[in-house]
Amino acid sequence: NKTRPHISLQDAQANGQSYVEQATLVLDAKDLEVVNNSNWLATMNFEAVIKLSAQYTVAQMLERDDFSKRYKSGVPISIHEFLYPLAQAQDSVALHSDVELGGTDQLFNLLVGRELQRQSNQEPQIII
C-alpha cells in the first residue's frame, strides 16, 4: 500500500454527488437528509485538531493492517493519513450516528468512530 493521493475539493464534491445519486437508486430521495462534513470539520481550528488527535494513539493507528504493514516494511506513512480516520470518526460524533455503512476497507475508520463516540458519551454506532 502507499499514500492515498490528495483530491481537490471539486473532486470530493463530485464524488459526494455521485454517492447521493447511487443512494437514491435504492432510497427515496425525499426521505434523505444529506449534509457535508465541512459543516463541522471546516470550523475546527488547530487547537481542536490537536484535541481530536489526542483521543487516539499512534499505537492504535498502527493496528490498522495497511499502516502496520507499511511501518514494518519501512514504507512512509504521512501524518495526514492518521488524521483521516479521526476526521471520519468526528463525522460519527457530530452526527450522533447510530448506524454507519462501509466497505471492508473502511472497517478500521468505522471502529475509530465507535471509540470516539464512547469518549464523547454517545452510544457507539452499529457498523455494517
N, C-alpha and C. Protein backbone atom coordinates (compact mmCIF):
# COMPACT_ATOMS: atom_id res chain seq x y z
N ASN A 1 0.83 -1.19 0.00
CA ASN A 1 0.00 0.00 0.00
C ASN A 1 0.86 1.25 0.00
N LYS A 2 0.30 2.33 -0.47
CA LYS A 2 1.01 3.60 -0.49
C LYS A 2 0.06 4.72 -0.10
N THR A 3 0.63 5.89 0.08
CA THR A 3 -0.15 7.06 0.48
C THR A 3 -1.24 7.34 -0.54
N ARG A 4 -2.45 7.54 -0.02
CA ARG A 4 -3.58 7.90 -0.89
C ARG A 4 -3.34 9.31 -1.42
N PRO A 5 -3.50 9.51 -2.72
CA PRO A 5 -3.28 10.86 -3.27
C PRO A 5 -4.36 11.83 -2.80
N HIS A 6 -3.96 13.08 -2.66
CA HIS A 6 -4.89 14.15 -2.28
C HIS A 6 -5.82 14.44 -3.46
N ILE A 7 -7.10 14.64 -3.17
CA ILE A 7 -8.03 15.04 -4.24
C ILE A 7 -8.51 16.46 -3.95
N SER A 8 -8.87 17.14 -5.00
CA SER A 8 -9.32 18.53 -4.86
C SER A 8 -10.71 18.58 -4.23
N LEU A 9 -11.06 19.74 -3.71
CA LEU A 9 -12.40 19.96 -3.15
C LEU A 9 -13.45 19.70 -4.22
N GLN A 10 -13.18 20.14 -5.44
CA GLN A 10 -14.12 19.93 -6.54
C GLN A 10 -14.34 18.43 -6.80
N ASP A 11 -13.27 17.65 -6.79
CA ASP A 11 -13.40 16.21 -6.99
C ASP A 11 -14.16 15.56 -5.82
N ALA A 12 -13.88 16.01 -4.61
CA ALA A 12 -14.58 15.47 -3.44
C ALA A 12 -16.07 15.77 -3.53
N GLN A 13 -16.42 16.97 -3.96
CA GLN A 13 -17.83 17.33 -4.10
C GLN A 13 -18.49 16.51 -5.20
N ALA A 14 -17.79 16.27 -6.29
CA ALA A 14 -18.33 15.44 -7.37
C ALA A 14 -18.52 14.00 -6.89
N ASN A 15 -17.57 13.50 -6.12
CA ASN A 15 -17.72 12.15 -5.55
C ASN A 15 -18.95 12.09 -4.65
N GLY A 16 -19.12 13.11 -3.82
CA GLY A 16 -20.28 13.16 -2.93
C GLY A 16 -21.59 13.14 -3.69
N GLN A 17 -21.66 13.91 -4.75
CA GLN A 17 -22.87 13.93 -5.57
C GLN A 17 -23.12 12.56 -6.19
N SER A 18 -22.06 11.91 -6.61
CA SER A 18 -22.17 10.57 -7.19
C SER A 18 -22.73 9.58 -6.16
N TYR A 19 -22.29 9.71 -4.90
CA TYR A 19 -22.79 8.82 -3.84
C TYR A 19 -24.28 9.05 -3.60
N VAL A 20 -24.69 10.31 -3.62
CA VAL A 20 -26.11 10.63 -3.44
C VAL A 20 -26.92 10.01 -4.58
N GLU A 21 -26.42 10.15 -5.80
CA GLU A 21 -27.12 9.57 -6.95
C GLU A 21 -27.23 8.06 -6.82
N GLN A 22 -26.18 7.41 -6.36
CA GLN A 22 -26.22 5.96 -6.17
C GLN A 22 -27.21 5.58 -5.06
N ALA A 23 -27.20 6.34 -3.98
CA ALA A 23 -28.09 6.04 -2.85
C ALA A 23 -29.55 6.16 -3.25
N THR A 24 -29.85 7.14 -4.10
CA THR A 24 -31.26 7.34 -4.47
C THR A 24 -31.76 6.29 -5.45
N LEU A 25 -30.89 5.40 -5.87
CA LEU A 25 -31.35 4.26 -6.67
C LEU A 25 -32.11 3.26 -5.79
N VAL A 26 -31.77 3.24 -4.50
CA VAL A 26 -32.42 2.29 -3.58
C VAL A 26 -33.14 2.98 -2.42
N LEU A 27 -32.90 4.27 -2.22
CA LEU A 27 -33.55 5.02 -1.15
C LEU A 27 -34.36 6.16 -1.75
N ASP A 28 -35.45 6.50 -1.08
CA ASP A 28 -36.30 7.59 -1.54
C ASP A 28 -35.64 8.92 -1.21
N ALA A 29 -35.36 9.72 -2.22
CA ALA A 29 -34.65 10.99 -2.03
C ALA A 29 -35.36 11.91 -1.06
N LYS A 30 -36.68 11.87 -1.02
CA LYS A 30 -37.41 12.79 -0.13
C LYS A 30 -37.24 12.40 1.34
N ASP A 31 -36.77 11.17 1.60
CA ASP A 31 -36.54 10.73 2.97
C ASP A 31 -35.09 10.90 3.41
N LEU A 32 -34.25 11.43 2.53
CA LEU A 32 -32.83 11.59 2.83
C LEU A 32 -32.51 13.01 3.28
N GLU A 33 -31.61 13.10 4.21
CA GLU A 33 -31.02 14.39 4.57
C GLU A 33 -29.52 14.25 4.31
N VAL A 34 -29.02 15.00 3.38
CA VAL A 34 -27.61 14.94 3.02
C VAL A 34 -26.92 16.17 3.61
N VAL A 35 -25.86 15.93 4.36
CA VAL A 35 -25.07 17.01 4.94
C VAL A 35 -23.61 16.83 4.54
N ASN A 36 -22.90 17.92 4.48
CA ASN A 36 -21.47 17.88 4.18
C ASN A 36 -20.68 18.02 5.47
N ASN A 37 -19.68 17.16 5.64
CA ASN A 37 -18.91 17.22 6.87
C ASN A 37 -18.09 18.50 6.98
N SER A 38 -18.01 19.26 5.92
CA SER A 38 -17.34 20.56 6.02
C SER A 38 -18.09 21.49 6.97
N ASN A 39 -19.37 21.19 7.22
CA ASN A 39 -20.15 21.99 8.18
C ASN A 39 -19.50 22.01 9.55
N TRP A 40 -18.84 20.92 9.96
CA TRP A 40 -18.18 20.90 11.27
C TRP A 40 -16.67 20.82 11.13
N LEU A 41 -16.15 20.12 10.14
CA LEU A 41 -14.69 19.99 10.03
C LEU A 41 -14.04 21.32 9.65
N ALA A 42 -14.68 22.10 8.80
CA ALA A 42 -14.09 23.37 8.35
C ALA A 42 -14.04 24.40 9.47
N THR A 43 -14.81 24.19 10.52
CA THR A 43 -14.82 25.14 11.63
C THR A 43 -13.78 24.80 12.70
N MET A 44 -13.11 23.66 12.54
CA MET A 44 -12.13 23.24 13.54
C MET A 44 -10.84 24.06 13.38
N ASN A 45 -10.39 24.66 14.48
CA ASN A 45 -9.11 25.35 14.45
C ASN A 45 -8.01 24.35 14.84
N PHE A 46 -6.77 24.81 14.86
CA PHE A 46 -5.66 23.89 15.14
C PHE A 46 -5.77 23.27 16.52
N GLU A 47 -6.21 24.04 17.49
CA GLU A 47 -6.38 23.51 18.84
C GLU A 47 -7.39 22.36 18.84
N ALA A 48 -8.46 22.50 18.09
CA ALA A 48 -9.47 21.43 18.01
C ALA A 48 -8.91 20.19 17.33
N VAL A 49 -8.06 20.38 16.33
CA VAL A 49 -7.43 19.23 15.65
C VAL A 49 -6.49 18.51 16.62
N ILE A 50 -5.73 19.26 17.40
CA ILE A 50 -4.84 18.65 18.40
C ILE A 50 -5.67 17.88 19.43
N LYS A 51 -6.75 18.47 19.89
CA LYS A 51 -7.62 17.81 20.87
C LYS A 51 -8.20 16.52 20.28
N LEU A 52 -8.63 16.57 19.02
CA LEU A 52 -9.15 15.37 18.37
C LEU A 52 -8.07 14.31 18.25
N SER A 53 -6.87 14.70 17.81
CA SER A 53 -5.80 13.72 17.61
C SER A 53 -5.31 13.13 18.93
N ALA A 54 -5.51 13.84 20.03
CA ALA A 54 -5.10 13.33 21.34
C ALA A 54 -6.00 12.20 21.83
N GLN A 55 -7.11 11.98 21.16
CA GLN A 55 -8.04 10.93 21.57
C GLN A 55 -7.66 9.54 21.05
N TYR A 56 -6.60 9.48 20.23
CA TYR A 56 -6.20 8.20 19.64
C TYR A 56 -4.69 8.18 19.56
N THR A 57 -4.09 7.03 19.79
CA THR A 57 -2.63 6.94 19.83
C THR A 57 -2.05 6.41 18.52
N VAL A 58 -0.76 6.65 18.35
CA VAL A 58 -0.06 6.10 17.19
C VAL A 58 -0.11 4.57 17.24
N ALA A 59 0.04 4.00 18.44
CA ALA A 59 -0.04 2.54 18.57
C ALA A 59 -1.39 2.03 18.09
N GLN A 60 -2.47 2.74 18.43
CA GLN A 60 -3.79 2.33 17.95
C GLN A 60 -3.87 2.46 16.43
N MET A 61 -3.31 3.52 15.87
CA MET A 61 -3.32 3.69 14.42
C MET A 61 -2.57 2.56 13.73
N LEU A 62 -1.48 2.11 14.35
CA LEU A 62 -0.68 1.04 13.74
C LEU A 62 -1.36 -0.32 13.82
N GLU A 63 -2.49 -0.39 14.51
CA GLU A 63 -3.28 -1.63 14.49
C GLU A 63 -3.98 -1.79 13.15
N ARG A 64 -4.13 -0.72 12.40
CA ARG A 64 -4.72 -0.80 11.07
C ARG A 64 -3.75 -1.60 10.19
N ASP A 65 -4.27 -2.60 9.52
CA ASP A 65 -3.44 -3.56 8.80
C ASP A 65 -2.50 -2.90 7.80
N ASP A 66 -3.00 -2.01 6.97
CA ASP A 66 -2.11 -1.42 5.96
C ASP A 66 -1.07 -0.50 6.58
N PHE A 67 -1.41 0.20 7.65
CA PHE A 67 -0.41 1.02 8.34
C PHE A 67 0.66 0.12 8.95
N SER A 68 0.24 -0.95 9.59
CA SER A 68 1.18 -1.87 10.22
C SER A 68 2.16 -2.46 9.21
N LYS A 69 1.63 -2.91 8.08
CA LYS A 69 2.49 -3.50 7.04
C LYS A 69 3.47 -2.46 6.50
N ARG A 70 2.98 -1.26 6.25
CA ARG A 70 3.86 -0.22 5.72
C ARG A 70 4.93 0.16 6.74
N TYR A 71 4.56 0.27 8.00
CA TYR A 71 5.52 0.63 9.04
C TYR A 71 6.61 -0.44 9.14
N LYS A 72 6.19 -1.71 9.18
CA LYS A 72 7.15 -2.81 9.31
C LYS A 72 8.07 -2.93 8.10
N SER A 73 7.59 -2.53 6.94
CA SER A 73 8.42 -2.64 5.73
C SER A 73 9.15 -1.33 5.40
N GLY A 74 9.01 -0.33 6.26
CA GLY A 74 9.73 0.92 6.07
C GLY A 74 9.12 1.85 5.03
N VAL A 75 7.87 1.58 4.64
CA VAL A 75 7.19 2.45 3.68
C VAL A 75 6.60 3.63 4.46
N PRO A 76 6.84 4.85 4.01
CA PRO A 76 6.38 6.02 4.76
C PRO A 76 4.86 6.06 4.97
N ILE A 77 4.49 6.59 6.12
CA ILE A 77 3.09 6.88 6.45
C ILE A 77 3.05 8.36 6.82
N SER A 78 2.27 9.11 6.10
CA SER A 78 2.18 10.55 6.37
C SER A 78 1.18 10.83 7.49
N ILE A 79 1.43 11.90 8.21
CA ILE A 79 0.56 12.27 9.33
C ILE A 79 -0.89 12.45 8.88
N HIS A 80 -1.09 13.03 7.71
CA HIS A 80 -2.47 13.26 7.26
C HIS A 80 -3.23 11.94 7.13
N GLU A 81 -2.52 10.84 6.91
CA GLU A 81 -3.19 9.54 6.83
C GLU A 81 -3.74 9.11 8.19
N PHE A 82 -3.07 9.52 9.26
CA PHE A 82 -3.58 9.25 10.60
C PHE A 82 -4.77 10.15 10.92
N LEU A 83 -4.79 11.33 10.33
CA LEU A 83 -5.89 12.26 10.61
C LEU A 83 -7.19 11.85 9.92
N TYR A 84 -7.09 11.15 8.80
CA TYR A 84 -8.30 10.79 8.05
C TYR A 84 -9.26 9.93 8.88
N PRO A 85 -8.81 8.84 9.53
CA PRO A 85 -9.75 8.07 10.36
C PRO A 85 -10.36 8.91 11.48
N LEU A 86 -9.57 9.85 12.02
CA LEU A 86 -10.10 10.71 13.08
C LEU A 86 -11.15 11.67 12.55
N ALA A 87 -10.92 12.20 11.35
CA ALA A 87 -11.92 13.09 10.75
C ALA A 87 -13.20 12.33 10.46
N GLN A 88 -13.08 11.11 9.94
CA GLN A 88 -14.28 10.31 9.69
C GLN A 88 -14.98 9.97 11.00
N ALA A 89 -14.20 9.69 12.03
CA ALA A 89 -14.79 9.42 13.34
C ALA A 89 -15.50 10.65 13.88
N GLN A 90 -14.93 11.82 13.64
CA GLN A 90 -15.57 13.06 14.08
C GLN A 90 -16.92 13.24 13.40
N ASP A 91 -17.03 12.76 12.16
CA ASP A 91 -18.33 12.78 11.48
C ASP A 91 -19.36 12.00 12.29
N SER A 92 -18.96 10.81 12.76
CA SER A 92 -19.89 9.97 13.53
C SER A 92 -20.31 10.67 14.82
N VAL A 93 -19.36 11.35 15.46
CA VAL A 93 -19.66 12.07 16.69
C VAL A 93 -20.59 13.26 16.39
N ALA A 94 -20.26 14.03 15.37
CA ALA A 94 -21.05 15.22 15.04
C ALA A 94 -22.49 14.86 14.66
N LEU A 95 -22.64 13.74 13.98
CA LEU A 95 -23.97 13.31 13.53
C LEU A 95 -24.71 12.47 14.56
N HIS A 96 -24.03 12.09 15.65
CA HIS A 96 -24.60 11.15 16.62
C HIS A 96 -25.12 9.91 15.88
N SER A 97 -24.28 9.38 15.00
CA SER A 97 -24.67 8.25 14.15
C SER A 97 -25.04 7.04 14.99
N ASP A 98 -26.12 6.39 14.59
CA ASP A 98 -26.48 5.14 15.25
C ASP A 98 -26.10 3.94 14.39
N VAL A 99 -26.03 4.15 13.07
CA VAL A 99 -25.62 3.11 12.13
C VAL A 99 -24.74 3.76 11.07
N GLU A 100 -23.66 3.09 10.70
CA GLU A 100 -22.84 3.58 9.60
C GLU A 100 -22.47 2.40 8.72
N LEU A 101 -22.62 2.60 7.42
CA LEU A 101 -22.30 1.58 6.43
C LEU A 101 -20.92 1.86 5.86
N GLY A 102 -20.18 0.80 5.57
CA GLY A 102 -18.88 0.99 4.94
C GLY A 102 -18.33 -0.32 4.42
N GLY A 103 -17.46 -0.21 3.46
CA GLY A 103 -16.79 -1.39 2.91
C GLY A 103 -15.75 -1.92 3.89
N THR A 104 -15.23 -3.09 3.59
CA THR A 104 -14.23 -3.69 4.47
C THR A 104 -13.00 -2.80 4.60
N ASP A 105 -12.71 -2.02 3.57
CA ASP A 105 -11.57 -1.10 3.64
C ASP A 105 -11.80 0.03 4.64
N GLN A 106 -13.04 0.23 5.04
CA GLN A 106 -13.39 1.30 5.98
C GLN A 106 -13.59 0.80 7.41
N LEU A 107 -13.44 -0.50 7.64
CA LEU A 107 -13.74 -1.07 8.96
C LEU A 107 -12.95 -0.37 10.07
N PHE A 108 -11.67 -0.17 9.88
CA PHE A 108 -10.86 0.48 10.91
C PHE A 108 -11.42 1.87 11.23
N ASN A 109 -11.71 2.65 10.19
CA ASN A 109 -12.23 4.01 10.40
C ASN A 109 -13.56 3.97 11.15
N LEU A 110 -14.40 3.01 10.81
CA LEU A 110 -15.70 2.89 11.48
C LEU A 110 -15.51 2.55 12.96
N LEU A 111 -14.54 1.71 13.25
CA LEU A 111 -14.27 1.35 14.65
C LEU A 111 -13.70 2.53 15.42
N VAL A 112 -12.90 3.36 14.76
CA VAL A 112 -12.41 4.59 15.40
C VAL A 112 -13.61 5.47 15.75
N GLY A 113 -14.58 5.53 14.85
CA GLY A 113 -15.79 6.29 15.12
C GLY A 113 -16.50 5.81 16.37
N ARG A 114 -16.62 4.50 16.51
CA ARG A 114 -17.25 3.94 17.72
C ARG A 114 -16.49 4.36 18.98
N GLU A 115 -15.17 4.30 18.92
CA GLU A 115 -14.35 4.66 20.08
C GLU A 115 -14.51 6.14 20.43
N LEU A 116 -14.49 7.00 19.44
CA LEU A 116 -14.65 8.43 19.73
C LEU A 116 -16.05 8.75 20.21
N GLN A 117 -17.05 8.00 19.75
CA GLN A 117 -18.40 8.18 20.28
C GLN A 117 -18.43 7.81 21.77
N ARG A 118 -17.79 6.70 22.13
CA ARG A 118 -17.72 6.31 23.55
C ARG A 118 -17.09 7.43 24.37
N GLN A 119 -15.97 7.97 23.86
CA GLN A 119 -15.27 9.03 24.58
C GLN A 119 -16.11 10.31 24.67
N SER A 120 -17.08 10.44 23.79
CA SER A 120 -17.98 11.61 23.79
C SER A 120 -19.30 11.30 24.50
N ASN A 121 -19.32 10.20 25.24
CA ASN A 121 -20.50 9.76 25.98
C ASN A 121 -21.71 9.54 25.08
N GLN A 122 -21.45 9.01 23.88
CA GLN A 122 -22.51 8.64 22.96
C GLN A 122 -22.58 7.12 22.87
N GLU A 123 -23.74 6.63 22.52
CA GLU A 123 -23.89 5.21 22.24
C GLU A 123 -23.13 4.91 20.95
N PRO A 124 -22.19 3.95 20.97
CA PRO A 124 -21.43 3.65 19.75
C PRO A 124 -22.33 3.16 18.62
N GLN A 125 -22.03 3.63 17.44
CA GLN A 125 -22.81 3.25 16.26
C GLN A 125 -22.66 1.77 15.94
N ILE A 126 -23.67 1.25 15.30
CA ILE A 126 -23.61 -0.09 14.72
C ILE A 126 -22.94 0.07 13.37
N ILE A 127 -22.00 -0.81 13.07
CA ILE A 127 -21.33 -0.71 11.77
C ILE A 127 -21.69 -1.91 10.91
N ILE A 128 -21.98 -1.61 9.67
CA ILE A 128 -22.37 -2.64 8.70
C ILE A 128 -21.47 -2.51 7.49
